[in-house]
Amino acid sequence: MTLKIENVSKRFGSKVVVDDLSMTINPGEVMGLIGQNGAGKTTTFRMILKFIGTDEGKISWNDESISQETKRRIGFLPEERGLYQKMTIEEQIVYFAELHGMKRADAKIKLADWMRRLEVVGKVSDKVQSLSKGNAQKIQFIATLIHEPDFLILDEPFTGLDPVNTELLMNEIRRLKEKGSAIIFSSHNMSGVELLSDNLTMLKNGKTVLQGSVQNIRESFGLTRIYLESDIPDSELKEVDGVLSIEKQRSGRMIQIAQEAVGREVFQKVSKDGYVKAFMQAPPTLDEIFRMEVEAND
């Protein structure tokens, strides 16, 4: 099931919230959608689900308009979590599962397996209001995925989760991807985006400013970061024309250079005595690229 967004725009009054957005997400692919708050990510999700209409452009699933029937094969985790606090875990999950066409008995069996895999603390008979924030988030995640959707939309799925629970959710997203689900998710956790995404779209004020595979996007910025572990003083490194900054990182230093070729000069200087503990030249991280794009002038 392939999702296509073709030249889609959306305005609220005079404000353009999404401006000529296009993307394709194929089965078994993960699209990371990033951008500052207000960049147009959630509006994009709402247009896909037909909660709001588009002003221009077309959104299709397998070249057909998204219908109520096809919506049953979609899983949606909104940023604003919405569980019924006075229902039990089982009542909550079975309710959502039936909305997506599952039988009650099947949902109950799957719920037990999901509770085990996500290490939910509690019993299916516990009321949602008794759960910790992290466990409530896991239940919301189960409600989104229990029907094994063909297309998955996740709006900030890792907010508030510790690293262990974030990894549990990431593993389930990877499992669905391997089964052929098409997935789009937004996150401010750039390391998570980098680990999960096949492709990436960055929005800024509704406009697409970056799009492509994570690796291609990173490499387009050049090999302008050097991680170095060496006894050479900063003063000698700064003598190299094109060294822009030097910052301490872990047991070494991160050196920002103006262009890739400067790396060769830096390496020649630090290796003049024949031994370098660590030297790695790489493109900027996704987090660094995100910050650069946010700070760049329009």
C-alpha atoms as a PDB file:
ATOM      1  CA  MET A   1       0.000   0.000   0.000  1.00  0.00           C
ATOM      2  CA  THR A   2       1.736   3.183  -1.206  1.00  0.00           C
ATOM      3  CA  LEU A   3       0.871   6.619   0.152  1.00  0.00           C
ATOM      4  CA  LYS A   4       1.378   9.562  -2.204  1.00  0.00           C
ATOM      5  CA  ILE A   5       1.200  13.235  -1.288  1.00  0.00           C
ATOM      6  CA  GLU A   6       1.325  15.347  -4.437  1.00  0.00           C
ATOM      7  CA  ASN A   7       1.796  19.138  -4.376  1.00  0.00           C
ATOM      8  CA  VAL A   8      -0.368  19.562  -1.279  1.00  0.00           C
ATOM      9  CA  SER A   9      -0.938  22.985   0.296  1.00  0.00           C
ATOM     10  CA  LYS A  10      -3.055  24.114   3.235  1.00  0.00           C
ATOM     11  CA  ARG A  11      -3.890  27.601   4.487  1.00  0.00           C
ATOM     12  CA  PHE A  12      -5.614  28.824   7.615  1.00  0.00           C
ATOM     13  CA  GLY A  13      -6.762  32.314   6.755  1.00  0.00           C
ATOM     14  CA  SER A  14      -3.800  34.144   5.239  1.00  0.00           C
ATOM     15  CA  LYS A  15      -1.235  31.774   6.807  1.00  0.00           C
ATOM     16  CA  VAL A  16       0.199  29.030   4.599  1.00  0.00           C
ATOM     17  CA  VAL A  17       0.720  26.075   6.944  1.00  0.00           C
ATOM     18  CA  VAL A  18       1.779  23.480   4.341  1.00  0.00           C
ATOM     19  CA  ASP A  19       3.233  24.717   1.054  1.00  0.00           C
ATOM     20  CA  ASP A  20       3.441  22.437  -2.021  1.00  0.00           C
ATOM     21  CA  LEU A  21       4.373  19.265  -0.132  1.00  0.00           C
ATOM     22  CA  SER A  22       5.110  16.062  -2.066  1.00  0.00           C
ATOM     23  CA  MET A  23       6.289  12.680  -0.784  1.00  0.00           C
ATOM     24  CA  THR A  24       5.848   8.968  -1.416  1.00  0.00           C
ATOM     25  CA  ILE A  25       5.947   6.241   1.235  1.00  0.00           C
ATOM     26  CA  ASN A  26       6.095   2.673  -0.057  1.00  0.00           C
ATOM     27  CA  PRO A  27       5.345  -0.561   1.845  1.00  0.00           C
ATOM     28  CA  GLY A  28       8.182  -1.402   4.221  1.00  0.00           C
ATOM     29  CA  GLU A  29       9.514   2.177   4.277  1.00  0.00           C
ATOM     30  CA  VAL A  30       9.765   4.656   7.140  1.00  0.00           C
ATOM     31  CA  MET A  31       9.515   8.407   6.494  1.00  0.00           C
ATOM     32  CA  GLY A  32      10.749  10.730   9.238  1.00  0.00           C
ATOM     33  CA  LEU A  33       8.984  14.100   9.255  1.00  0.00           C
ATOM     34  CA  ILE A  34      10.873  16.770  11.174  1.00  0.00           C
ATOM     35  CA  GLY A  35      10.618  20.491  11.791  1.00  0.00           C
ATOM     36  CA  GLN A  36      10.039  23.022  14.539  1.00  0.00           C
ATOM     37  CA  ASN A  37       6.706  23.303  16.306  1.00  0.00           C
ATOM     38  CA  GLY A  38       4.284  24.883  13.843  1.00  0.00           C
ATOM     39  CA  ALA A  39       6.213  23.703  10.769  1.00  0.00           C
ATOM     40  CA  GLY A  40       3.191  21.804   9.399  1.00  0.00           C
ATOM     41  CA  LYS A  41       3.796  18.231  10.559  1.00  0.00           C
ATOM     42  CA  THR A  42       0.562  17.636  12.470  1.00  0.00           C
ATOM     43  CA  THR A  43      -1.455  19.451   9.785  1.00  0.00           C
ATOM     44  CA  THR A  44       0.031  17.007   7.249  1.00  0.00           C
ATOM     45  CA  PHE A  45      -1.098  14.047   9.341  1.00  0.00           C
ATOM     46  CA  ARG A  46      -4.596  15.496   9.682  1.00  0.00           C
ATOM     47  CA  MET A  47      -4.861  15.974   5.921  1.00  0.00           C
ATOM     48  CA  ILE A  48      -3.780  12.362   5.297  1.00  0.00           C
ATOM     49  CA  LEU A  49      -6.549  11.194   7.637  1.00  0.00           C
ATOM     50  CA  LYS A  50      -9.065  13.632   6.106  1.00  0.00           C
ATOM     51  CA  PHE A  51      -9.686  15.322   9.430  1.00  0.00           C
ATOM     52  CA  ILE A  52      -9.159  18.498   7.406  1.00  0.00           C
ATOM     53  CA  GLY A  53      -9.157  19.018   3.654  1.00  0.00           C
ATOM     54  CA  THR A  54      -6.368  20.148   1.359  1.00  0.00           C
ATOM     55  CA  ASP A  55      -6.525  23.480  -0.447  1.00  0.00           C
ATOM     56  CA  GLU A  56      -4.400  22.233  -3.341  1.00  0.00           C
ATOM     57  CA  GLY A  57      -2.909  18.926  -4.332  1.00  0.00           C
ATOM     58  CA  LYS A  58      -3.826  15.291  -3.876  1.00  0.00           C
ATOM     59  CA  ILE A  59      -3.347  12.586  -1.244  1.00  0.00           C
ATOM     60  CA  SER A  60      -3.888   8.979  -2.321  1.00  0.00           C
ATOM     61  CA  TRP A  61      -3.369   5.441  -1.108  1.00  0.00           C
ATOM     62  CA  ASN A  62      -2.698   2.951  -3.910  1.00  0.00           C
ATOM     63  CA  ASP A  63      -3.739   5.707  -6.336  1.00  0.00           C
ATOM     64  CA  GLU A  64      -7.179   5.965  -4.737  1.00  0.00           C
ATOM     65  CA  SER A  65      -8.674   8.526  -2.368  1.00  0.00           C
ATOM     66  CA  ILE A  66      -8.445   7.495   1.298  1.00  0.00           C
ATOM     67  CA  SER A  67     -11.890   6.161   2.254  1.00  0.00           C
ATOM     68  CA  GLN A  68     -13.468   5.207   5.574  1.00  0.00           C
ATOM     69  CA  GLU A  69     -12.770   1.585   4.721  1.00  0.00           C
ATOM     70  CA  THR A  70      -9.064   2.163   4.052  1.00  0.00           C
ATOM     71  CA  LYS A  71      -8.828   4.220   7.250  1.00  0.00           C
ATOM     72  CA  ARG A  72      -9.473   0.998   9.161  1.00  0.00           C
ATOM     73  CA  ARG A  73      -6.053  -0.198   7.929  1.00  0.00           C
ATOM     74  CA  ILE A  74      -4.352   2.917   9.309  1.00  0.00           C
ATOM     75  CA  GLY A  75      -2.906   3.261  12.803  1.00  0.00           C
ATOM     76  CA  PHE A  76      -2.703   6.811  14.177  1.00  0.00           C
ATOM     77  CA  LEU A  77      -0.944   7.875  17.366  1.00  0.00           C
ATOM     78  CA  PRO A  78      -1.746  11.570  17.962  1.00  0.00           C
ATOM     79  CA  GLU A  79       0.567  13.871  19.874  1.00  0.00           C
ATOM     80  CA  GLU A  80      -2.339  14.661  22.215  1.00  0.00           C
ATOM     81  CA  ARG A  81      -2.878  11.295  23.881  1.00  0.00           C
ATOM     82  CA  GLY A  82      -6.523  10.265  24.254  1.00  0.00           C
ATOM     83  CA  LEU A  83      -7.285   7.341  26.553  1.00  0.00           C
ATOM     84  CA  TYR A  84     -10.513   6.908  28.520  1.00  0.00           C
ATOM     85  CA  GLN A  85      -9.267   7.123  32.095  1.00  0.00           C
ATOM     86  CA  LYS A  86     -12.071   5.135  33.768  1.00  0.00           C
ATOM     87  CA  MET A  87     -11.982   2.181  31.397  1.00  0.00           C
ATOM     88  CA  THR A  88      -9.782  -0.833  32.060  1.00  0.00           C
ATOM     89  CA  ILE A  89      -6.806  -1.536  29.804  1.00  0.00           C
ATOM     90  CA  GLU A  90      -8.671  -4.446  28.217  1.00  0.00           C
ATOM     91  CA  GLU A  91     -11.877  -2.457  27.653  1.00  0.00           C
ATOM     92  CA  GLN A  92      -9.860   0.349  26.079  1.00  0.00           C
ATOM     93  CA  ILE A  93      -7.845  -1.836  23.712  1.00  0.00           C
ATOM     94  CA  VAL A  94     -10.784  -4.017  22.677  1.00  0.00           C
ATOM     95  CA  TYR A  95     -12.837  -0.897  21.923  1.00  0.00           C
ATOM     96  CA  PHE A  96     -10.171   0.514  19.575  1.00  0.00           C
ATOM     97  CA  ALA A  97      -9.499  -2.907  18.034  1.00  0.00           C
ATOM     98  CA  GLU A  98     -13.184  -3.367  17.159  1.00  0.00           C
ATOM     99  CA  LEU A  99     -13.223   0.054  15.499  1.00  0.00           C
ATOM    100  CA  HIS A 100     -10.555  -1.319  13.163  1.00  0.00           C
ATOM    101  CA  GLY A 101     -12.489  -4.508  12.410  1.00  0.00           C
ATOM    102  CA  MET A 102     -10.903  -6.943  14.872  1.00  0.00           C
ATOM    103  CA  LYS A 103     -12.875  -9.551  16.797  1.00  0.00           C
ATOM    104  CA  ARG A 104     -12.989  -9.155  20.582  1.00  0.00           C
ATOM    105  CA  ALA A 105     -11.466 -12.573  21.239  1.00  0.00           C
ATOM    106  CA  ASP A 106      -8.550 -11.913  18.869  1.00  0.00           C
ATOM    107  CA  ALA A 107      -7.923  -8.500  20.433  1.00  0.00           C
ATOM    108  CA  LYS A 108      -7.788  -9.981  23.938  1.00  0.00           C
ATOM    109  CA  ILE A 109      -5.239 -12.609  22.866  1.00  0.00           C
ATOM    110  CA  LYS A 110      -3.079 -10.033  21.107  1.00  0.00           C
ATOM    111  CA  LEU A 111      -3.289  -7.637  24.051  1.00  0.00           C
ATOM    112  CA  ALA A 112      -1.637 -10.163  26.364  1.00  0.00           C
ATOM    113  CA  ASP A 113       1.228 -10.547  23.897  1.00  0.00           C
ATOM    114  CA  TRP A 114       1.610  -6.778  23.475  1.00  0.00           C
ATOM    115  CA  MET A 115       1.634  -6.235  27.254  1.00  0.00           C
ATOM    116  CA  ARG A 116       4.465  -8.746  27.536  1.00  0.00           C
ATOM    117  CA  ARG A 117       6.517  -7.364  24.646  1.00  0.00           C
ATOM    118  CA  LEU A 118       6.249  -3.749  25.810  1.00  0.00           C
ATOM    119  CA  GLU A 119       6.799  -4.734  29.459  1.00  0.00           C
ATOM    120  CA  VAL A 120       3.664  -2.935  30.644  1.00  0.00           C
ATOM    121  CA  VAL A 121       3.480  -2.871  34.441  1.00  0.00           C
ATOM    122  CA  GLY A 122      -0.073  -3.826  35.390  1.00  0.00           C
ATOM    123  CA  LYS A 123      -2.943  -6.180  34.618  1.00  0.00           C
ATOM    124  CA  VAL A 124      -5.461  -5.925  31.792  1.00  0.00           C
ATOM    125  CA  SER A 125      -8.127  -5.346  34.448  1.00  0.00           C
ATOM    126  CA  ASP A 126      -6.367  -2.195  35.745  1.00  0.00           C
ATOM    127  CA  LYS A 127      -8.024   1.117  34.975  1.00  0.00           C
ATOM    128  CA  VAL A 128      -6.086   3.478  32.711  1.00  0.00           C
ATOM    129  CA  GLN A 129      -6.136   6.195  35.400  1.00  0.00           C
ATOM    130  CA  SER A 130      -4.036   3.958  37.682  1.00  0.00           C
ATOM    131  CA  LEU A 131      -1.161   3.710  35.191  1.00  0.00           C
ATOM    132  CA  SER A 132       2.061   5.686  35.256  1.00  0.00           C
ATOM    133  CA  LYS A 133       2.575   8.138  32.407  1.00  0.00           C
ATOM    134  CA  GLY A 134       5.009   5.788  30.662  1.00  0.00           C
ATOM    135  CA  ASN A 135       2.718   2.765  30.913  1.00  0.00           C
ATOM    136  CA  ALA A 136      -0.275   4.813  29.753  1.00  0.00           C
ATOM    137  CA  GLN A 137       1.769   5.816  26.714  1.00  0.00           C
ATOM    138  CA  LYS A 138       2.500   2.163  26.000  1.00  0.00           C
ATOM    139  CA  ILE A 139      -1.231   1.379  26.155  1.00  0.00           C
ATOM    140  CA  GLN A 140      -1.920   4.194  23.679  1.00  0.00           C
ATOM    141  CA  PHE A 141       0.775   2.703  21.437  1.00  0.00           C
ATOM    142  CA  ILE A 142      -0.836  -0.749  21.677  1.00  0.00           C
ATOM    143  CA  ALA A 143      -4.220   0.760  20.779  1.00  0.00           C
ATOM    144  CA  THR A 144      -2.607   2.229  17.655  1.00  0.00           C
ATOM    145  CA  LEU A 145      -0.859  -0.956  16.523  1.00  0.00           C
ATOM    146  CA  ILE A 146      -2.956  -3.887  17.748  1.00  0.00           C
ATOM    147  CA  HIS A 147      -4.697  -4.325  14.369  1.00  0.00           C
ATOM    148  CA  GLU A 148      -1.275  -4.503  12.610  1.00  0.00           C
ATOM    149  CA  PRO A 149      -1.954  -1.504  10.309  1.00  0.00           C
ATOM    150  CA  ASP A 150      -0.808  -1.330   6.700  1.00  0.00           C
ATOM    151  CA  PHE A 151      -0.038   2.357   7.198  1.00  0.00           C
ATOM    152  CA  LEU A 152       1.129   3.890  10.459  1.00  0.00           C
ATOM    153  CA  ILE A 153       1.160   7.567  11.480  1.00  0.00           C
ATOM    154  CA  LEU A 154       3.015   8.429  14.699  1.00  0.00           C
ATOM    155  CA  ASP A 155       3.055  12.012  15.994  1.00  0.00           C
ATOM    156  CA  GLU A 156       5.890  12.387  18.535  1.00  0.00           C
ATOM    157  CA  PRO A 157       5.701   8.737  19.724  1.00  0.00           C
ATOM    158  CA  PHE A 158       8.709   8.898  22.073  1.00  0.00           C
ATOM    159  CA  THR A 159       7.902  12.039  24.055  1.00  0.00           C
ATOM    160  CA  GLY A 160       8.454  11.499  27.766  1.00  0.00           C
ATOM    161  CA  LEU A 161       9.818   7.958  27.438  1.00  0.00           C
ATOM    162  CA  ASP A 162      13.126   6.856  28.925  1.00  0.00           C
ATOM    163  CA  PRO A 163      15.756   5.274  26.615  1.00  0.00           C
ATOM    164  CA  VAL A 164      14.774   1.685  27.497  1.00  0.00           C
ATOM    165  CA  ASN A 165      11.085   2.202  26.707  1.00  0.00           C
ATOM    166  CA  THR A 166      11.939   4.235  23.607  1.00  0.00           C
ATOM    167  CA  GLU A 167      13.929   1.262  22.314  1.00  0.00           C
ATOM    168  CA  LEU A 168      10.982  -1.096  23.009  1.00  0.00           C
ATOM    169  CA  LEU A 169       8.707   1.084  20.855  1.00  0.00           C
ATOM    170  CA  MET A 170      11.359   1.418  18.151  1.00  0.00           C
ATOM    171  CA  ASN A 171      11.637  -2.369  17.954  1.00  0.00           C
ATOM    172  CA  GLU A 172       7.886  -2.662  17.352  1.00  0.00           C
ATOM    173  CA  ILE A 173       8.034  -0.009  14.622  1.00  0.00           C
ATOM    174  CA  ARG A 174      10.880  -1.946  12.979  1.00  0.00           C
ATOM    175  CA  ARG A 175       8.851  -5.174  13.242  1.00  0.00           C
ATOM    176  CA  LEU A 176       5.894  -3.580  11.451  1.00  0.00           C
ATOM    177  CA  LYS A 177       8.229  -2.191   8.807  1.00  0.00           C
ATOM    178  CA  GLU A 178       9.637  -5.691   8.186  1.00  0.00           C
ATOM    179  CA  LYS A 179       6.061  -6.968   7.772  1.00  0.00           C
ATOM    180  CA  GLY A 180       5.517  -4.404   5.021  1.00  0.00           C
ATOM    181  CA  SER A 181       3.784  -1.483   6.735  1.00  0.00           C
ATOM    182  CA  ALA A 182       4.365   2.015   5.379  1.00  0.00           C
ATOM    183  CA  ILE A 183       5.224   4.334   8.275  1.00  0.00           C
ATOM    184  CA  ILE A 184       5.495   8.089   8.783  1.00  0.00           C
ATOM    185  CA  PHE A 185       6.428   9.631  12.113  1.00  0.00           C
ATOM    186  CA  SER A 186       7.431  12.966  13.557  1.00  0.00           C
ATOM    187  CA  SER A 187       9.911  13.432  16.371  1.00  0.00           C
ATOM    188  CA  HIS A 188      12.214  15.986  17.937  1.00  0.00           C
ATOM    189  CA  ASN A 189      14.536  13.112  18.867  1.00  0.00           C
ATOM    190  CA  MET A 190      16.968  13.358  15.944  1.00  0.00           C
ATOM    191  CA  SER A 191      18.934  10.262  16.948  1.00  0.00           C
ATOM    192  CA  GLY A 192      15.678   8.278  16.853  1.00  0.00           C
ATOM    193  CA  VAL A 193      14.784   9.727  13.457  1.00  0.00           C
ATOM    194  CA  GLU A 194      18.218   8.783  12.152  1.00  0.00           C
ATOM    195  CA  LEU A 195      17.978   5.218  13.474  1.00  0.00           C
ATOM    196  CA  LEU A 196      14.471   4.497  12.171  1.00  0.00           C
ATOM    197  CA  SER A 197      14.044   6.450   8.947  1.00  0.00           C
ATOM    198  CA  ASP A 198      14.740   5.301   5.405  1.00  0.00           C
ATOM    199  CA  ASN A 199      13.848   8.755   4.127  1.00  0.00           C
ATOM    200  CA  LEU A 200      13.453  12.156   5.692  1.00  0.00           C
ATOM    201  CA  THR A 201      11.406  15.274   5.017  1.00  0.00           C
ATOM    202  CA  MET A 202      12.087  18.504   6.904  1.00  0.00           C
ATOM    203  CA  LEU A 203       9.504  21.276   6.926  1.00  0.00           C
ATOM    204  CA  LYS A 204      10.180  24.901   7.790  1.00  0.00           C
ATOM    205  CA  ASN A 205       7.252  27.308   7.862  1.00  0.00           C
ATOM    206  CA  GLY A 206       5.325  24.780   5.796  1.00  0.00           C
ATOM    207  CA  LYS A 207       7.964  24.499   3.054  1.00  0.00           C
ATOM    208  CA  THR A 208      10.066  21.424   2.319  1.00  0.00           C
ATOM    209  CA  VAL A 209      13.704  22.368   2.959  1.00  0.00           C
ATOM    210  CA  LEU A 210      15.236  18.871   2.998  1.00  0.00           C
ATOM    211  CA  GLN A 211      14.084  15.581   1.488  1.00  0.00           C
ATOM    212  CA  GLY A 212      15.809  12.299   0.695  1.00  0.00           C
ATOM    213  CA  SER A 213      17.528   9.399   2.402  1.00  0.00           C
ATOM    214  CA  VAL A 214      19.133  10.231   5.742  1.00  0.00           C
ATOM    215  CA  GLN A 215      22.575   9.275   4.439  1.00  0.00           C
ATOM    216  CA  ASN A 216      22.270  11.341   1.259  1.00  0.00           C
ATOM    217  CA  ILE A 217      21.086  14.367   3.210  1.00  0.00           C
ATOM    218  CA  ARG A 218      23.982  14.102   5.646  1.00  0.00           C
ATOM    219  CA  GLU A 219      26.533  13.601   2.863  1.00  0.00           C
ATOM    220  CA  SER A 220      25.165  16.615   0.957  1.00  0.00           C
ATOM    221  CA  PHE A 221      26.562  18.797   3.743  1.00  0.00           C
ATOM    222  CA  GLY A 222      30.072  17.396   3.211  1.00  0.00           C
ATOM    223  CA  LEU A 223      32.499  15.633   5.557  1.00  0.00           C
ATOM    224  CA  THR A 224      32.858  18.723   7.712  1.00  0.00           C
ATOM    225  CA  ARG A 225      33.122  17.206  11.192  1.00  0.00           C
ATOM    226  CA  ILE A 226      36.239  15.553  12.633  1.00  0.00           C
ATOM    227  CA  TYR A 227      36.245  13.589  15.870  1.00  0.00           C
ATOM    228  CA  LEU A 228      39.792  13.573  17.245  1.00  0.00           C
ATOM    229  CA  GLU A 229      41.528  11.951  20.191  1.00  0.00           C
ATOM    230  CA  SER A 230      45.088  13.276  20.314  1.00  0.00           C
ATOM    231  CA  ASP A 231      47.433  15.196  22.611  1.00  0.00           C
ATOM    232  CA  ILE A 232      47.957  17.985  20.073  1.00  0.00           C
ATOM    233  CA  PRO A 233      46.918  21.338  21.611  1.00  0.00           C
ATOM    234  CA  ASP A 234      43.988  23.369  20.286  1.00  0.00           C
ATOM    235  CA  SER A 235      46.358  26.196  19.394  1.00  0.00           C
ATOM    236  CA  GLU A 236      48.103  24.056  16.757  1.00  0.00           C
ATOM    237  CA  LEU A 237      44.803  22.872  15.284  1.00  0.00           C
ATOM    238  CA  LYS A 238      43.600  26.456  14.952  1.00  0.00           C
ATOM    239  CA  GLU A 239      46.648  27.206  12.807  1.00  0.00           C
ATOM    240  CA  VAL A 240      45.046  25.169  10.000  1.00  0.00           C
ATOM    241  CA  ASP A 241      43.122  27.445   7.652  1.00  0.00           C
ATOM    242  CA  GLY A 242      39.499  26.278   7.556  1.00  0.00           C
ATOM    243  CA  VAL A 243      39.206  25.031  11.153  1.00  0.00           C
ATOM    244  CA  LEU A 244      36.063  26.813  12.342  1.00  0.00           C
ATOM    245  CA  SER A 245      35.595  25.523  15.882  1.00  0.00           C
ATOM    246  CA  ILE A 246      36.900  22.990  18.386  1.00  0.00           C
ATOM    247  CA  GLU A 247      34.709  21.580  21.161  1.00  0.00           C
ATOM    248  CA  LYS A 248      35.409  18.944  23.805  1.00  0.00           C
ATOM    249  CA  GLN A 249      33.366  15.785  23.217  1.00  0.00           C
ATOM    250  CA  ARG A 250      33.597  12.648  25.336  1.00  0.00           C
ATOM    251  CA  SER A 251      37.316  11.852  25.690  1.00  0.00           C
ATOM    252  CA  GLY A 252      38.227  13.775  22.544  1.00  0.00           C
ATOM    253  CA  ARG A 253      37.308  16.876  20.542  1.00  0.00           C
ATOM    254  CA  MET A 254      34.875  17.671  17.747  1.00  0.00           C
ATOM    255  CA  ILE A 255      36.395  19.915  15.083  1.00  0.00           C
ATOM    256  CA  GLN A 256      34.182  21.754  12.624  1.00  0.00           C
ATOM    257  CA  ILE A 257      35.868  22.521   9.300  1.00  0.00           C
ATOM    258  CA  ALA A 258      34.857  24.729   6.398  1.00  0.00           C
ATOM    259  CA  GLN A 259      35.181  22.034   3.723  1.00  0.00           C
ATOM    260  CA  GLU A 260      36.190  18.400   3.338  1.00  0.00           C
ATOM    261  CA  ALA A 261      39.684  19.124   2.013  1.00  0.00           C
ATOM    262  CA  VAL A 262      40.669  20.774   5.304  1.00  0.00           C
ATOM    263  CA  GLY A 263      40.446  17.325   6.907  1.00  0.00           C
ATOM    264  CA  ARG A 264      43.553  16.160   5.081  1.00  0.00           C
ATOM    265  CA  GLU A 265      45.564  19.090   6.472  1.00  0.00           C
ATOM    266  CA  VAL A 266      44.285  18.427   9.990  1.00  0.00           C
ATOM    267  CA  PHE A 267      45.221  14.743   9.682  1.00  0.00           C
ATOM    268  CA  GLN A 268      48.730  15.569   8.439  1.00  0.00           C
ATOM    269  CA  LYS A 269      49.258  17.858  11.413  1.00  0.00           C
ATOM    270  CA  VAL A 270      47.993  15.448  14.101  1.00  0.00           C
ATOM    271  CA  SER A 271      49.779  12.409  12.588  1.00  0.00           C
ATOM    272  CA  LYS A 272      53.203  14.007  12.156  1.00  0.00           C
ATOM    273  CA  ASP A 273      54.528  11.907  15.049  1.00  0.00           C
ATOM    274  CA  GLY A 274      53.036   8.742  13.594  1.00  0.00           C
ATOM    275  CA  TYR A 275      50.292   7.864  16.104  1.00  0.00           C
ATOM    276  CA  VAL A 276      46.738   9.127  16.455  1.00  0.00           C
ATOM    277  CA  LYS A 277      44.427   7.521  18.996  1.00  0.00           C
ATOM    278  CA  ALA A 278      41.247   8.392  17.055  1.00  0.00           C
ATOM    279  CA  PHE A 279      40.503  10.379  13.890  1.00  0.00           C
ATOM    280  CA  MET A 280      37.135  10.192  12.124  1.00  0.00           C
ATOM    281  CA  GLN A 281      35.895  12.587   9.458  1.00  0.00           C
ATOM    282  CA  ALA A 282      32.143  12.497   8.870  1.00  0.00           C
ATOM    283  CA  PRO A 283      29.206  14.639   7.749  1.00  0.00           C
ATOM    284  CA  PRO A 284      27.232  16.645  10.331  1.00  0.00           C
ATOM    285  CA  THR A 285      24.791  14.696  12.470  1.00  0.00           C
ATOM    286  CA  LEU A 286      21.090  14.995  11.750  1.00  0.00           C
ATOM    287  CA  ASP A 287      20.734  17.038  14.927  1.00  0.00           C
ATOM    288  CA  GLU A 288      23.383  19.506  13.704  1.00  0.00           C
ATOM    289  CA  ILE A 289      21.735  19.738  10.278  1.00  0.00           C
ATOM    290  CA  PHE A 290      18.352  20.365  11.904  1.00  0.00           C
ATOM    291  CA  ARG A 291      19.809  23.229  13.937  1.00  0.00           C
ATOM    292  CA  MET A 292      21.552  24.706  10.898  1.00  0.00           C
ATOM    293  CA  GLU A 293      18.354  24.642   8.833  1.00  0.00           C
ATOM    294  CA  VAL A 294      16.278  26.141  11.655  1.00  0.00           C
ATOM    295  CA  GLU A 295      18.791  28.971  12.119  1.00  0.00           C
ATOM    296  CA  ALA A 296      19.252  29.627   8.398  1.00  0.00           C
ATOM    297  CA  ASN A 297      17.622  32.764   6.965  1.00  0.00           C
ATOM    298  CA  ASP A 298      14.638  32.240   4.694  1.00  0.00           C
END
